[in-house]
Amino acid sequence: MKKNFVLRIDEDMYKLLEKWAQDEFRSVNGQVEYLIHQALVETGRKCKKVTIKTDDKKTE
């Protein structure tokens, strides 16, 4: 389940974020979610999911 919330950032920051998202073929929302996820993984607050494929079976 995903939660909605309001994020207030200045216009210049939004434009930079929008360009970054376009460069990586994401929506602005997707880019923000990706950046937060990366920060959580890098700081050890969230485990990085690793999917290993063996014999056409996926395990996590």
Protein backbone atom coordinates (compact mmCIF):
# COMPACT_ATOMS: atom_id res chain seq x y z
CA MET A 1 0.00 0.00 0.00
CA LYS A 2 1.31 3.43 -0.90
CA LYS A 3 0.63 6.60 1.09
CA ASN A 4 0.02 10.03 -0.40
CA PHE A 5 1.48 13.20 1.07
CA VAL A 6 2.16 16.77 0.04
CA LEU A 7 5.72 17.82 -0.72
CA ARG A 8 6.51 21.51 -0.98
CA ILE A 9 9.67 22.46 -2.88
CA ASP A 10 10.60 25.66 -4.66
CA GLU A 11 10.05 26.00 -8.40
CA ASP A 12 13.74 25.90 -9.33
CA MET A 13 14.29 22.67 -7.42
CA TYR A 14 11.21 21.16 -9.05
CA LYS A 15 12.49 22.03 -12.53
CA LEU A 16 15.84 20.37 -11.77
CA LEU A 17 14.08 17.30 -10.39
CA GLU A 18 11.78 17.17 -13.40
CA LYS A 19 14.76 17.25 -15.81
CA TRP A 20 16.56 14.56 -13.80
CA ALA A 21 13.45 12.37 -13.88
CA GLN A 22 13.12 12.81 -17.65
CA ASP A 23 16.79 11.90 -18.11
CA GLU A 24 16.15 8.61 -16.29
CA PHE A 25 12.76 7.95 -17.95
CA ARG A 26 10.80 8.36 -14.72
CA SER A 27 7.97 10.60 -13.57
CA VAL A 28 8.83 13.22 -10.97
CA ASN A 29 6.97 11.13 -8.40
CA GLY A 30 8.90 8.04 -9.45
CA GLN A 31 12.18 9.93 -9.21
CA VAL A 32 11.43 11.18 -5.70
CA GLU A 33 10.46 7.66 -4.63
CA TYR A 34 13.66 6.25 -6.19
CA LEU A 35 15.87 8.85 -4.47
CA ILE A 36 14.29 8.23 -1.08
CA HIS A 37 14.67 4.48 -1.54
CA GLN A 38 18.35 4.86 -2.50
CA ALA A 39 18.99 7.07 0.54
CA LEU A 40 17.32 4.55 2.86
CA VAL A 41 19.43 1.70 1.44
CA GLU A 42 22.68 3.71 1.56
CA THR A 43 22.14 4.66 5.20
CA GLY A 44 21.30 1.09 6.21
CA ARG A 45 17.73 1.95 7.14
CA LYS A 46 16.31 -0.41 4.51
CA CYS A 47 17.66 -3.67 3.15
CA LYS A 48 18.26 -3.82 -0.56
CA LYS A 49 16.17 -6.54 -2.18
CA VAL A 50 18.25 -8.88 -4.28
CA THR A 51 16.56 -11.25 -6.68
CA ILE A 52 18.57 -14.29 -7.74
CA LYS A 53 17.43 -16.30 -10.72
CA THR A 54 18.27 -20.01 -10.67
CA ASP A 55 16.74 -22.71 -12.87
CA ASP A 56 13.96 -20.34 -13.99
CA LYS A 57 12.93 -19.81 -10.36
CA LYS A 58 13.24 -16.46 -8.63
CA THR A 59 14.19 -16.29 -5.00
CA GLU A 60 14.65 -13.29 -2.74
